[in-house]
C-alpha atoms as a PDB file:
ATOM      1  CA  UNK A   1      25.041  -9.579 -22.918  1.00  0.00           C
ATOM      2  CA  UNK A   2      24.085 -12.803 -20.912  1.00  0.00           C
ATOM      3  CA  UNK A   3      21.824 -15.080 -23.026  1.00  0.00           C
ATOM      4  CA  UNK A   4      19.489 -15.392 -20.191  1.00  0.00           C
ATOM      5  CA  UNK A   5      19.396 -11.748 -19.403  1.00  0.00           C
ATOM      6  CA  UNK A   6      18.762 -10.839 -22.847  1.00  0.00           C
ATOM      7  CA  UNK A   7      15.817 -13.580 -23.010  1.00  0.00           C
ATOM      8  CA  UNK A   8      14.352 -11.731 -19.938  1.00  0.00           C
ATOM      9  CA  UNK A   9      14.476  -8.323 -21.170  1.00  0.00           C
ATOM     10  CA  UNK A  10      13.515  -9.135 -24.912  1.00  0.00           C
ATOM     11  CA  UNK A  11      11.447 -12.233 -24.502  1.00  0.00           C
ATOM     12  CA  UNK A  12       7.694 -12.704 -25.393  1.00  0.00           C
ATOM     13  CA  UNK A  13       6.584 -11.600 -21.872  1.00  0.00           C
ATOM     14  CA  UNK A  14       8.188  -8.290 -22.477  1.00  0.00           C
ATOM     15  CA  UNK A  15       7.101  -7.975 -26.104  1.00  0.00           C
ATOM     16  CA  UNK A  16       3.669  -8.687 -25.198  1.00  0.00           C
ATOM     17  CA  UNK A  17       3.216  -6.565 -22.153  1.00  0.00           C
ATOM     18  CA  UNK A  18       4.674  -3.761 -24.028  1.00  0.00           C
ATOM     19  CA  UNK A  19       2.516  -4.046 -27.090  1.00  0.00           C
ATOM     20  CA  UNK A  20      -0.427  -4.113 -24.583  1.00  0.00           C
ATOM     21  CA  UNK A  21       0.550  -0.964 -22.687  1.00  0.00           C
ATOM     22  CA  UNK A  22       1.236   1.049 -26.087  1.00  0.00           C
ATOM     23  CA  UNK A  23      -2.377  -0.174 -27.380  1.00  0.00           C
ATOM     24  CA  UNK A  24      -4.242   0.700 -23.919  1.00  0.00           C
ATOM     25  CA  UNK A  25      -2.528   3.952 -23.363  1.00  0.00           C
ATOM     26  CA  UNK A  26      -3.237   5.421 -26.897  1.00  0.00           C
ATOM     27  CA  UNK A  27      -4.355   8.934 -27.246  1.00  0.00           C
ATOM     28  CA  UNK A  28      -6.406  10.483 -30.106  1.00  0.00           C
ATOM     29  CA  UNK A  29      -4.230  12.181 -32.657  1.00  0.00           C
ATOM     30  CA  UNK A  30      -5.259  15.781 -31.841  1.00  0.00           C
ATOM     31  CA  UNK A  31      -4.322  14.936 -28.198  1.00  0.00           C
ATOM     32  CA  UNK A  32      -0.703  13.649 -29.283  1.00  0.00           C
ATOM     33  CA  UNK A  33      -0.134  16.578 -31.420  1.00  0.00           C
ATOM     34  CA  UNK A  34      -0.920  19.027 -28.815  1.00  0.00           C
ATOM     35  CA  UNK A  35       1.188  17.102 -26.219  1.00  0.00           C
ATOM     36  CA  UNK A  36       4.196  17.225 -28.629  1.00  0.00           C
ATOM     37  CA  UNK A  37       3.927  21.005 -29.002  1.00  0.00           C
ATOM     38  CA  UNK A  38       3.784  21.243 -25.026  1.00  0.00           C
ATOM     39  CA  UNK A  39       6.872  18.958 -24.828  1.00  0.00           C
ATOM     40  CA  UNK A  40       8.870  20.610 -27.364  1.00  0.00           C
ATOM     41  CA  UNK A  41       8.119  23.982 -25.967  1.00  0.00           C
ATOM     42  CA  UNK A  42       8.989  23.052 -22.673  1.00  0.00           C
ATOM     43  CA  UNK A  43      12.047  21.332 -23.861  1.00  0.00           C
ATOM     44  CA  UNK A  44      13.096  24.585 -25.725  1.00  0.00           C
ATOM     45  CA  UNK A  45      12.656  26.604 -22.513  1.00  0.00           C
ATOM     46  CA  UNK A  46      14.588  24.218 -20.374  1.00  0.00           C
ATOM     47  CA  UNK A  47      17.686  24.106 -22.789  1.00  0.00           C
ATOM     48  CA  UNK A  48      17.611  27.933 -22.746  1.00  0.00           C
ATOM     49  CA  UNK A  49      17.583  28.163 -18.932  1.00  0.00           C
ATOM     50  CA  UNK A  50      20.223  25.462 -18.677  1.00  0.00           C
ATOM     51  CA  UNK A  51      22.357  26.771 -21.352  1.00  0.00           C
ATOM     52  CA  UNK A  52      22.272  30.269 -19.761  1.00  0.00           C
ATOM     53  CA  UNK A  53      23.585  28.932 -16.570  1.00  0.00           C
ATOM     54  CA  UNK A  54      26.337  26.981 -18.142  1.00  0.00           C
ATOM     55  CA  UNK A  55      27.233  30.050 -20.348  1.00  0.00           C
ATOM     56  CA  UNK A  56      27.217  32.159 -17.037  1.00  0.00           C
ATOM     57  CA  UNK A  57      29.750  29.719 -15.447  1.00  0.00           C
ATOM     58  CA  UNK A  58      31.982  29.470 -18.528  1.00  0.00           C
ATOM     59  CA  UNK A  59      32.053  33.312 -19.278  1.00  0.00           C
ATOM     60  CA  UNK A  60      31.886  34.339 -15.493  1.00  0.00           C
ATOM     61  CA  UNK A  61      28.776  36.393 -16.410  1.00  0.00           C
ATOM     62  CA  UNK A  62      25.608  36.942 -14.547  1.00  0.00           C
ATOM     63  CA  UNK A  63      22.829  35.068 -16.550  1.00  0.00           C
ATOM     64  CA  UNK A  64      19.756  36.403 -14.693  1.00  0.00           C
ATOM     65  CA  UNK A  65      18.732  38.587 -17.695  1.00  0.00           C
ATOM     66  CA  UNK A  66      18.004  35.286 -19.544  1.00  0.00           C
ATOM     67  CA  UNK A  67      15.331  34.121 -17.034  1.00  0.00           C
ATOM     68  CA  UNK A  68      14.008  37.821 -16.673  1.00  0.00           C
ATOM     69  CA  UNK A  69      13.470  37.779 -20.668  1.00  0.00           C
ATOM     70  CA  UNK A  70      11.711  34.753 -20.438  1.00  0.00           C
ATOM     71  CA  UNK A  71       9.432  35.925 -17.739  1.00  0.00           C
ATOM     72  CA  UNK A  72       6.274  34.202 -16.829  1.00  0.00           C
ATOM     73  CA  UNK A  73       7.182  31.586 -19.468  1.00  0.00           C
ATOM     74  CA  UNK A  74       9.997  30.236 -16.937  1.00  0.00           C
ATOM     75  CA  UNK A  75       7.471  30.218 -14.090  1.00  0.00           C
ATOM     76  CA  UNK A  76       5.007  28.049 -16.404  1.00  0.00           C
ATOM     77  CA  UNK A  77       7.866  25.891 -17.321  1.00  0.00           C
ATOM     78  CA  UNK A  78       8.692  25.186 -13.355  1.00  0.00           C
ATOM     79  CA  UNK A  79       4.925  24.480 -12.819  1.00  0.00           C
ATOM     80  CA  UNK A  80       4.475  22.258 -16.076  1.00  0.00           C
ATOM     81  CA  UNK A  81       7.715  20.226 -14.984  1.00  0.00           C
ATOM     82  CA  UNK A  82       6.468  19.496 -11.464  1.00  0.00           C
ATOM     83  CA  UNK A  83       3.017  18.543 -12.856  1.00  0.00           C
ATOM     84  CA  UNK A  84       4.513  16.165 -15.372  1.00  0.00           C
ATOM     85  CA  UNK A  85       6.643  14.457 -12.848  1.00  0.00           C
ATOM     86  CA  UNK A  86       3.804  13.458 -10.738  1.00  0.00           C
ATOM     87  CA  UNK A  87       1.701  12.498 -13.637  1.00  0.00           C
ATOM     88  CA  UNK A  88       4.475  10.262 -14.947  1.00  0.00           C
ATOM     89  CA  UNK A  89       5.095   8.929 -11.793  1.00  0.00           C
ATOM     90  CA  UNK A  90       1.486   7.917 -10.987  1.00  0.00           C
ATOM     91  CA  UNK A  91       1.128   6.528 -14.671  1.00  0.00           C
ATOM     92  CA  UNK A  92       4.241   4.309 -14.220  1.00  0.00           C
ATOM     93  CA  UNK A  93       2.895   3.057 -10.997  1.00  0.00           C
ATOM     94  CA  UNK A  94      -0.688   2.130 -12.823  1.00  0.00           C
ATOM     95  CA  UNK A  95       1.172   0.452 -15.733  1.00  0.00           C
ATOM     96  CA  UNK A  96       3.097  -1.687 -13.224  1.00  0.00           C
ATOM     97  CA  UNK A  97       0.326  -2.338 -11.082  1.00  0.00           C
ATOM     98  CA  UNK A  98      -1.909  -3.458 -13.857  1.00  0.00           C
ATOM     99  CA  UNK A  99       0.794  -5.777 -15.521  1.00  0.00           C
ATOM    100  CA  UNK A 100       0.172  -8.790 -13.742  1.00  0.00           C
ATOM    101  CA  UNK A 101      -3.228  -8.097 -12.027  1.00  0.00           C
ATOM    102  CA  UNK A 102      -4.582  -7.865 -15.842  1.00  0.00           C
ATOM    103  CA  UNK A 103      -3.550 -11.452 -16.370  1.00  0.00           C
ATOM    104  CA  UNK A 104      -5.310 -12.606 -13.254  1.00  0.00           C
ATOM    105  CA  UNK A 105      -8.682 -10.796 -13.817  1.00  0.00           C
ATOM    106  CA  UNK A 106      -8.444 -11.825 -17.405  1.00  0.00           C
ATOM    107  CA  UNK A 107      -8.352 -15.591 -16.734  1.00  0.00           C
ATOM    108  CA  UNK A 108      -4.976 -15.728 -18.575  1.00  0.00           C
ATOM    109  CA  UNK A 109      -2.755 -16.325 -15.513  1.00  0.00           C
ATOM    110  CA  UNK A 110      -3.206 -19.773 -15.305  1.00  0.00           C
ATOM    111  CA  UNK A 111      -2.597 -20.490 -19.033  1.00  0.00           C
ATOM    112  CA  UNK A 112       0.654 -18.205 -18.810  1.00  0.00           C
ATOM    113  CA  UNK A 113       2.251 -20.354 -15.891  1.00  0.00           C
ATOM    114  CA  UNK A 114       1.333 -23.542 -17.583  1.00  0.00           C
ATOM    115  CA  UNK A 115       3.545 -22.624 -20.707  1.00  0.00           C
ATOM    116  CA  UNK A 116       6.603 -23.188 -18.388  1.00  0.00           C
ATOM    117  CA  UNK A 117       7.386 -19.438 -18.029  1.00  0.00           C
ATOM    118  CA  UNK A 118       8.782 -19.206 -14.612  1.00  0.00           C
ATOM    119  CA  UNK A 119       8.380 -16.154 -12.048  1.00  0.00           C
ATOM    120  CA  UNK A 120      11.630 -14.443 -12.960  1.00  0.00           C
ATOM    121  CA  UNK A 121      10.902 -14.261 -16.662  1.00  0.00           C
ATOM    122  CA  UNK A 122       7.072 -13.122 -15.759  1.00  0.00           C
ATOM    123  CA  UNK A 123       8.308 -10.157 -13.191  1.00  0.00           C
ATOM    124  CA  UNK A 124      11.298  -8.984 -14.975  1.00  0.00           C
ATOM    125  CA  UNK A 125       9.449  -9.123 -18.567  1.00  0.00           C
ATOM    126  CA  UNK A 126       6.654  -7.025 -17.059  1.00  0.00           C
ATOM    127  CA  UNK A 127       9.039  -4.687 -15.247  1.00  0.00           C
ATOM    128  CA  UNK A 128      11.161  -4.044 -18.512  1.00  0.00           C
ATOM    129  CA  UNK A 129       8.245  -3.491 -20.790  1.00  0.00           C
ATOM    130  CA  UNK A 130       6.711  -0.739 -18.175  1.00  0.00           C
ATOM    131  CA  UNK A 131      10.323   0.814 -18.367  1.00  0.00           C
ATOM    132  CA  UNK A 132      10.612   0.644 -22.222  1.00  0.00           C
ATOM    133  CA  UNK A 133       7.132   2.239 -22.296  1.00  0.00           C
ATOM    134  CA  UNK A 134       7.875   5.202 -20.108  1.00  0.00           C
ATOM    135  CA  UNK A 135      11.709   5.967 -20.565  1.00  0.00           C
ATOM    136  CA  UNK A 136      11.091   8.447 -23.431  1.00  0.00           C
ATOM    137  CA  UNK A 137       8.905  10.735 -21.224  1.00  0.00           C
ATOM    138  CA  UNK A 138      11.362  10.037 -18.176  1.00  0.00           C
ATOM    139  CA  UNK A 139      14.226  11.260 -20.408  1.00  0.00           C
ATOM    140  CA  UNK A 140      12.320  14.281 -21.513  1.00  0.00           C
ATOM    141  CA  UNK A 141      11.363  14.751 -17.712  1.00  0.00           C
ATOM    142  CA  UNK A 142      15.116  14.553 -16.904  1.00  0.00           C
ATOM    143  CA  UNK A 143      15.903  17.148 -19.291  1.00  0.00           C
ATOM    144  CA  UNK A 144      13.011  19.539 -18.099  1.00  0.00           C
ATOM    145  CA  UNK A 145      14.251  18.904 -14.529  1.00  0.00           C
ATOM    146  CA  UNK A 146      17.845  19.760 -15.176  1.00  0.00           C
ATOM    147  CA  UNK A 147      17.087  22.805 -16.731  1.00  0.00           C
ATOM    148  CA  UNK A 148      14.497  23.942 -14.016  1.00  0.00           C
ATOM    149  CA  UNK A 149      16.595  22.837 -11.078  1.00  0.00           C
ATOM    150  CA  UNK A 150      19.835  24.334 -12.522  1.00  0.00           C
ATOM    151  CA  UNK A 151      18.106  27.810 -13.211  1.00  0.00           C
ATOM    152  CA  UNK A 152      16.078  27.828  -9.811  1.00  0.00           C
ATOM    153  CA  UNK A 153      19.177  26.870  -8.033  1.00  0.00           C
ATOM    154  CA  UNK A 154      21.368  29.455  -9.550  1.00  0.00           C
ATOM    155  CA  UNK A 155      18.554  32.300  -9.183  1.00  0.00           C
ATOM    156  CA  UNK A 156      17.911  31.741  -5.639  1.00  0.00           C
ATOM    157  CA  UNK A 157      21.800  31.605  -4.605  1.00  0.00           C
ATOM    158  CA  UNK A 158      22.412  34.758  -6.746  1.00  0.00           C
ATOM    159  CA  UNK A 159      19.788  36.652  -4.795  1.00  0.00           C
ATOM    160  CA  UNK A 160      21.138  35.400  -1.413  1.00  0.00           C
ATOM    161  CA  UNK A 161      24.930  36.054  -2.388  1.00  0.00           C
ATOM    162  CA  UNK A 162      23.841  39.622  -3.176  1.00  0.00           C
ATOM    163  CA  UNK A 163      22.132  40.212  -0.286  1.00  0.00           C
ATOM    164  CA  UNK A 164      25.126  38.897   1.939  1.00  0.00           C
ATOM    165  CA  UNK A 165      27.868  40.431  -0.275  1.00  0.00           C
ATOM    166  CA  UNK A 166      26.023  43.789   0.445  1.00  0.00           C
ATOM    167  CA  UNK A 167      25.841  43.114   4.157  1.00  0.00           C
ATOM    168  CA  UNK A 168      29.518  41.987   4.057  1.00  0.00           C
ATOM    169  CA  UNK A 169      30.685  45.495   2.809  1.00  0.00           C
ATOM    170  CA  UNK A 170      29.907  46.977   6.176  1.00  0.00           C
ATOM    171  CA  UNK A 171      31.168  44.101   8.247  1.00  0.00           C
ATOM    172  CA  UNK A 172      33.830  42.708   6.361  1.00  0.00           C
ATOM    173  CA  UNK A 173      34.619  41.825   2.596  1.00  0.00           C
ATOM    174  CA  UNK A 174      32.639  38.971   1.239  1.00  0.00           C
ATOM    175  CA  UNK A 175      33.354  37.815  -2.349  1.00  0.00           C
ATOM    176  CA  UNK A 176      30.806  35.862  -4.324  1.00  0.00           C
ATOM    177  CA  UNK A 177      32.140  32.622  -5.908  1.00  0.00           C
ATOM    178  CA  UNK A 178      30.723  31.405  -8.929  1.00  0.00           C
ATOM    179  CA  UNK A 179      30.009  27.798  -9.863  1.00  0.00           C
ATOM    180  CA  UNK A 180      32.420  26.000 -12.451  1.00  0.00           C
ATOM    181  CA  UNK A 181      31.060  25.095 -15.748  1.00  0.00           C
ATOM    182  CA  UNK A 182      31.824  21.358 -14.522  1.00  0.00           C
ATOM    183  CA  UNK A 183      29.730  22.121 -11.371  1.00  0.00           C
ATOM    184  CA  UNK A 184      26.643  23.137 -13.854  1.00  0.00           C
ATOM    185  CA  UNK A 185      27.434  19.957 -16.137  1.00  0.00           C
ATOM    186  CA  UNK A 186      27.542  17.641 -13.251  1.00  0.00           C
ATOM    187  CA  UNK A 187      24.206  18.998 -11.841  1.00  0.00           C
ATOM    188  CA  UNK A 188      22.516  18.359 -15.150  1.00  0.00           C
ATOM    189  CA  UNK A 189      23.840  14.932 -15.396  1.00  0.00           C
ATOM    190  CA  UNK A 190      23.092  13.938 -11.621  1.00  0.00           C
ATOM    191  CA  UNK A 191      19.306  15.296 -12.161  1.00  0.00           C
ATOM    192  CA  UNK A 192      19.030  13.318 -15.453  1.00  0.00           C
ATOM    193  CA  UNK A 193      20.338  10.018 -13.892  1.00  0.00           C
ATOM    194  CA  UNK A 194      18.492  10.221 -10.848  1.00  0.00           C
ATOM    195  CA  UNK A 195      15.288  10.907 -13.014  1.00  0.00           C
ATOM    196  CA  UNK A 196      15.894   7.689 -15.010  1.00  0.00           C
ATOM    197  CA  UNK A 197      16.686   5.668 -11.830  1.00  0.00           C
ATOM    198  CA  UNK A 198      13.305   6.755 -10.309  1.00  0.00           C
ATOM    199  CA  UNK A 199      11.671   5.326 -13.382  1.00  0.00           C
ATOM    200  CA  UNK A 200      12.991   1.745 -12.643  1.00  0.00           C
ATOM    201  CA  UNK A 201      12.294   1.925  -8.802  1.00  0.00           C
ATOM    202  CA  UNK A 202       8.622   3.219  -9.509  1.00  0.00           C
ATOM    203  CA  UNK A 203       7.880   0.556 -12.155  1.00  0.00           C
ATOM    204  CA  UNK A 204       9.296  -2.230  -9.668  1.00  0.00           C
ATOM    205  CA  UNK A 205       6.972  -0.864  -7.086  1.00  0.00           C
ATOM    206  CA  UNK A 206       4.052  -1.392  -9.394  1.00  0.00           C
ATOM    207  CA  UNK A 207       5.137  -4.813 -10.564  1.00  0.00           C
ATOM    208  CA  UNK A 208       5.531  -5.901  -6.816  1.00  0.00           C
ATOM    209  CA  UNK A 209       2.024  -4.592  -5.886  1.00  0.00           C
ATOM    210  CA  UNK A 210       0.395  -6.355  -9.091  1.00  0.00           C
ATOM    211  CA  UNK A 211       1.961  -9.744  -8.147  1.00  0.00           C
ATOM    212  CA  UNK A 212      -0.142  -9.951  -4.835  1.00  0.00           C
ATOM    213  CA  UNK A 213      -3.643  -8.895  -5.738  1.00  0.00           C
ATOM    214  CA  UNK A 214      -6.321  -9.212  -8.513  1.00  0.00           C
ATOM    215  CA  UNK A 215      -7.876  -5.834  -8.189  1.00  0.00           C
ATOM    216  CA  UNK A 216      -6.414  -3.306 -10.361  1.00  0.00           C
ATOM    217  CA  UNK A 217      -7.641  -0.393  -7.936  1.00  0.00           C
ATOM    218  CA  UNK A 218      -6.074  -2.204  -4.890  1.00  0.00           C
ATOM    219  CA  UNK A 219      -2.863  -2.966  -6.593  1.00  0.00           C
ATOM    220  CA  UNK A 220      -2.454   0.725  -7.676  1.00  0.00           C
ATOM    221  CA  UNK A 221      -3.049   1.812  -3.773  1.00  0.00           C
ATOM    222  CA  UNK A 222      -0.548  -0.840  -2.870  1.00  0.00           C
ATOM    223  CA  UNK A 223       1.970   0.403  -5.313  1.00  0.00           C
ATOM    224  CA  UNK A 224       1.732   3.860  -3.839  1.00  0.00           C
ATOM    225  CA  UNK A 225       2.049   2.576  -0.368  1.00  0.00           C
ATOM    226  CA  UNK A 226       4.797   0.610  -1.174  1.00  0.00           C
ATOM    227  CA  UNK A 227       6.687   3.360  -3.000  1.00  0.00           C
ATOM    228  CA  UNK A 228       6.385   5.407   0.186  1.00  0.00           C
ATOM    229  CA  UNK A 229       7.162   2.738   2.630  1.00  0.00           C
ATOM    230  CA  UNK A 230      10.419   1.567   0.930  1.00  0.00           C
ATOM    231  CA  UNK A 231      11.630   5.271   0.764  1.00  0.00           C
ATOM    232  CA  UNK A 232      10.648   5.830   4.352  1.00  0.00           C
ATOM    233  CA  UNK A 233      12.650   2.574   5.256  1.00  0.00           C
ATOM    234  CA  UNK A 234      15.585   3.805   3.141  1.00  0.00           C
ATOM    235  CA  UNK A 235      15.914   7.067   5.093  1.00  0.00           C
ATOM    236  CA  UNK A 236      15.489   5.463   8.599  1.00  0.00           C
ATOM    237  CA  UNK A 237      18.778   3.493   7.537  1.00  0.00           C
ATOM    238  CA  UNK A 238      20.424   6.210   6.479  1.00  0.00           C
ATOM    239  CA  UNK A 239      19.596   8.060   9.683  1.00  0.00           C
ATOM    240  CA  UNK A 240      20.788   5.286  11.710  1.00  0.00           C
ATOM    241  CA  UNK A 241      24.756   5.985  11.957  1.00  0.00           C
ATOM    242  CA  UNK A 242      23.729   9.772  12.644  1.00  0.00           C
ATOM    243  CA  UNK A 243      21.580   8.269  15.835  1.00  0.00           C
ATOM    244  CA  UNK A 244      24.263   5.928  16.792  1.00  0.00           C
ATOM    245  CA  UNK A 245      27.115   8.390  16.692  1.00  0.00           C
ATOM    246  CA  UNK A 246      24.739  10.857  18.704  1.00  0.00           C
ATOM    247  CA  UNK A 247      23.967   8.130  21.387  1.00  0.00           C
ATOM    248  CA  UNK A 248      27.663   7.171  21.775  1.00  0.00           C
ATOM    249  CA  UNK A 249      28.612  10.909  22.240  1.00  0.00           C
ATOM    250  CA  UNK A 250      30.814  11.213  19.282  1.00  0.00           C
ATOM    251  CA  UNK A 251      31.048  14.598  17.374  1.00  0.00           C
ATOM    252  CA  UNK A 252      29.724  14.159  13.921  1.00  0.00           C
ATOM    253  CA  UNK A 253      32.508  16.051  12.346  1.00  0.00           C
ATOM    254  CA  UNK A 254      35.025  13.353  13.532  1.00  0.00           C
ATOM    255  CA  UNK A 255      33.891  11.039  11.019  1.00  0.00           C
ATOM    256  CA  UNK A 256      35.875  12.503   8.196  1.00  0.00           C
ATOM    257  CA  UNK A 257      36.868  11.192   4.707  1.00  0.00           C
ATOM    258  CA  UNK A 258      38.746  13.964   3.711  1.00  0.00           C
ATOM    259  CA  UNK A 259      38.900  17.653   3.520  1.00  0.00           C
ATOM    260  CA  UNK A 260      35.331  19.181   3.831  1.00  0.00           C
ATOM    261  CA  UNK A 261      34.065  15.627   2.972  1.00  0.00           C
ATOM    262  CA  UNK A 262      32.254  13.884   5.965  1.00  0.00           C
ATOM    263  CA  UNK A 263      30.300  10.494   5.815  1.00  0.00           C
ATOM    264  CA  UNK A 264      27.447  12.400   7.793  1.00  0.00           C
ATOM    265  CA  UNK A 265      27.324  15.110   5.070  1.00  0.00           C
ATOM    266  CA  UNK A 266      27.328  12.161   2.454  1.00  0.00           C
ATOM    267  CA  UNK A 267      24.302  10.442   4.389  1.00  0.00           C
ATOM    268  CA  UNK A 268      22.324  13.575   5.111  1.00  0.00           C
ATOM    269  CA  UNK A 269      22.387  14.616   1.382  1.00  0.00           C
ATOM    270  CA  UNK A 270      21.596  11.116   0.162  1.00  0.00           C
ATOM    271  CA  UNK A 271      18.471  11.061   2.382  1.00  0.00           C
ATOM    272  CA  UNK A 272      17.320  14.232   0.952  1.00  0.00           C
ATOM    273  CA  UNK A 273      18.060  13.008  -2.565  1.00  0.00           C
ATOM    274  CA  UNK A 274      15.973  10.113  -2.065  1.00  0.00           C
ATOM    275  CA  UNK A 275      12.906  12.450  -1.177  1.00  0.00           C
ATOM    276  CA  UNK A 276      13.306  15.077  -3.888  1.00  0.00           C
ATOM    277  CA  UNK A 277      14.967  12.870  -6.482  1.00  0.00           C
ATOM    278  CA  UNK A 278      17.965  15.228  -6.837  1.00  0.00           C
ATOM    279  CA  UNK A 279      16.185  18.487  -6.839  1.00  0.00           C
ATOM    280  CA  UNK A 280      18.477  20.046  -3.718  1.00  0.00           C
ATOM    281  CA  UNK A 281      21.454  18.325  -4.832  1.00  0.00           C
ATOM    282  CA  UNK A 282      21.600  19.754  -8.351  1.00  0.00           C
ATOM    283  CA  UNK A 283      20.518  23.202  -6.774  1.00  0.00           C
ATOM    284  CA  UNK A 284      23.335  22.770  -4.309  1.00  0.00           C
ATOM    285  CA  UNK A 285      25.905  22.076  -7.160  1.00  0.00           C
ATOM    286  CA  UNK A 286      25.157  25.128  -9.416  1.00  0.00           C
ATOM    287  CA  UNK A 287      24.881  27.383  -6.129  1.00  0.00           C
ATOM    288  CA  UNK A 288      26.577  30.714  -6.035  1.00  0.00           C
ATOM    289  CA  UNK A 289      28.364  30.665  -2.656  1.00  0.00           C
ATOM    290  CA  UNK A 290      30.432  33.205  -0.446  1.00  0.00           C
ATOM    291  CA  UNK A 291      34.210  33.264  -0.511  1.00  0.00           C
ATOM    292  CA  UNK A 292      34.523  32.302   3.350  1.00  0.00           C
ATOM    293  CA  UNK A 293      32.275  29.057   2.812  1.00  0.00           C
ATOM    294  CA  UNK A 294      33.790  25.836   1.571  1.00  0.00           C
ATOM    295  CA  UNK A 295      32.478  24.026  -1.447  1.00  0.00           C
ATOM    296  CA  UNK A 296      30.349  20.862  -1.108  1.00  0.00           C
ATOM    297  CA  UNK A 297      30.992  19.287  -4.575  1.00  0.00           C
ATOM    298  CA  UNK A 298      32.679  16.096  -3.424  1.00  0.00           C
ATOM    299  CA  UNK A 299      29.947  15.369  -1.005  1.00  0.00           C
ATOM    300  CA  UNK A 300      27.172  16.146  -3.376  1.00  0.00           C
ATOM    301  CA  UNK A 301      28.785  13.700  -6.097  1.00  0.00           C
ATOM    302  CA  UNK A 302      29.246  11.112  -3.481  1.00  0.00           C
ATOM    303  CA  UNK A 303      25.771  11.544  -2.407  1.00  0.00           C
ATOM    304  CA  UNK A 304      24.569  11.056  -6.054  1.00  0.00           C
ATOM    305  CA  UNK A 305      26.476   7.667  -6.603  1.00  0.00           C
ATOM    306  CA  UNK A 306      25.217   6.251  -3.390  1.00  0.00           C
ATOM    307  CA  UNK A 307      21.632   7.561  -4.146  1.00  0.00           C
ATOM    308  CA  UNK A 308      21.989   5.739  -7.679  1.00  0.00           C
ATOM    309  CA  UNK A 309      23.218   2.577  -5.874  1.00  0.00           C
ATOM    310  CA  UNK A 310      20.487   2.624  -3.378  1.00  0.00           C
ATOM    311  CA  UNK A 311      17.860   2.909  -6.195  1.00  0.00           C
ATOM    312  CA  UNK A 312      19.522  -0.003  -7.968  1.00  0.00           C
ATOM    313  CA  UNK A 313      19.466  -2.076  -4.823  1.00  0.00           C
ATOM    314  CA  UNK A 314      15.643  -1.008  -3.866  1.00  0.00           C
ATOM    315  CA  UNK A 315      14.549  -1.852  -7.596  1.00  0.00           C
ATOM    316  CA  UNK A 316      16.079  -5.400  -7.436  1.00  0.00           C
ATOM    317  CA  UNK A 317      14.835  -6.035  -3.975  1.00  0.00           C
ATOM    318  CA  UNK A 318      11.422  -5.218  -5.070  1.00  0.00           C
ATOM    319  CA  UNK A 319      11.709  -7.519  -8.028  1.00  0.00           C
ATOM    320  CA  UNK A 320      12.988 -10.378  -6.180  1.00  0.00           C
ATOM    321  CA  UNK A 321      10.111 -10.026  -3.643  1.00  0.00           C
ATOM    322  CA  UNK A 322       7.638  -9.578  -6.694  1.00  0.00           C
ATOM    323  CA  UNK A 323       9.008 -13.048  -7.969  1.00  0.00           C
ATOM    324  CA  UNK A 324       8.433 -15.067  -4.543  1.00  0.00           C
ATOM    325  CA  UNK A 325       4.804 -13.523  -4.537  1.00  0.00           C
ATOM    326  CA  UNK A 326       4.403 -14.754  -8.025  1.00  0.00           C
ATOM    327  CA  UNK A 327       5.484 -18.111  -7.060  1.00  0.00           C
ATOM    328  CA  UNK A 328       2.907 -18.128  -4.105  1.00  0.00           C
ATOM    329  CA  UNK A 329       0.272 -17.493  -6.990  1.00  0.00           C
ATOM    330  CA  UNK A 330       1.363 -20.749  -9.064  1.00  0.00           C
ATOM    331  CA  UNK A 331       3.927 -19.281 -10.911  1.00  0.00           C
ATOM    332  CA  UNK A 332       7.011 -21.789 -11.618  1.00  0.00           C
ATOM    333  CA  UNK A 333       9.796 -20.986  -9.304  1.00  0.00           C
ATOM    334  CA  UNK A 334      12.920 -19.481 -11.226  1.00  0.00           C
ATOM    335  CA  UNK A 335      15.624 -22.127 -11.931  1.00  0.00           C
ATOM    336  CA  UNK A 336      19.032 -20.779 -11.146  1.00  0.00           C
ATOM    337  CA  UNK A 337      21.732 -21.184 -13.722  1.00  0.00           C
ATOM    338  CA  UNK A 338      19.389 -22.424 -16.357  1.00  0.00           C
ATOM    339  CA  UNK A 339      20.472 -21.931 -19.915  1.00  0.00           C
ATOM    340  CA  UNK A 340      18.751 -19.620 -21.921  1.00  0.00           C
ATOM    341  CA  UNK A 341      18.186 -21.803 -24.903  1.00  0.00           C
ATOM    342  CA  UNK A 342      16.683 -24.287 -22.647  1.00  0.00           C
ATOM    343  CA  UNK A 343      13.926 -22.022 -21.594  1.00  0.00           C
ATOM    344  CA  UNK A 344      13.276 -21.072 -25.063  1.00  0.00           C
ATOM    345  CA  UNK A 345      12.684 -24.794 -25.906  1.00  0.00           C
ATOM    346  CA  UNK A 346      10.094 -24.886 -23.191  1.00  0.00           C
ATOM    347  CA  UNK A 347       8.322 -22.348 -24.630  1.00  0.00           C
END
């Protein structure tokens, strides 16, 4: 690992911020035990639902009875996962938004910048501490979302496929094509990775907002606004090629990258993925389809890879902006190509 990168990620700034976040977000023991039970039950249900879809794909059997057996518990899992997702996102924004703001309101910002720590170390250290504080919860959320999305996508597509298949017996022979085991595995992996990528992006939004203001409430509001604005701009950029081609009078289907794999399909799926963090993409991968429709796995996987890359670029860009704002607030500008041992000596 690059020594300077290791210093940013595991230096005193990150460790001090992580210790503070653990201390400030502590819960009473009884509440921790209650949350632990809820998480374990939710994890077990999600694995059962996901395992049912995977087993159905492997054995070429209908996994619907598994969801029917769980009954209302499966519905509660869907509700719990949705609420847990928004709770974690809001908490991550709050932790990031409080990271630098707390130093300013606590009169420790001037002392921090006088120690010789530059803006890059401060920003990346605060961001990495927030990621470390939240990654276990987001990993759990990724598993919950993978199970719920696979089950919802498979169940909904089975219902639609049965309706169209019954209709097809009168007007032609329509056969239902089941997803493969690789499709189900890919769906789970895509949803899990996109959930973790969302953590880094959300934490960066909070840190950027924190670098600009001294008010915790205002920093949190700015963090929410920043997240919405960045996603909106990304969507507009992704839609731009489609608009240009329409204005040029081209057929979008002419922009082909291979059989059943067009550039516009990838961009449209990527746009939706940034909005729902992979929910529609995962559902599409596990969907049962009719024999007269083509599969979309290549386009879906390409959209997933592009979405992960966009999350990475957005996160990096937000942290760079936070560095510049920290410099405007008296932090030392980062010195390019400065050895890590020289930094340590200055500390």
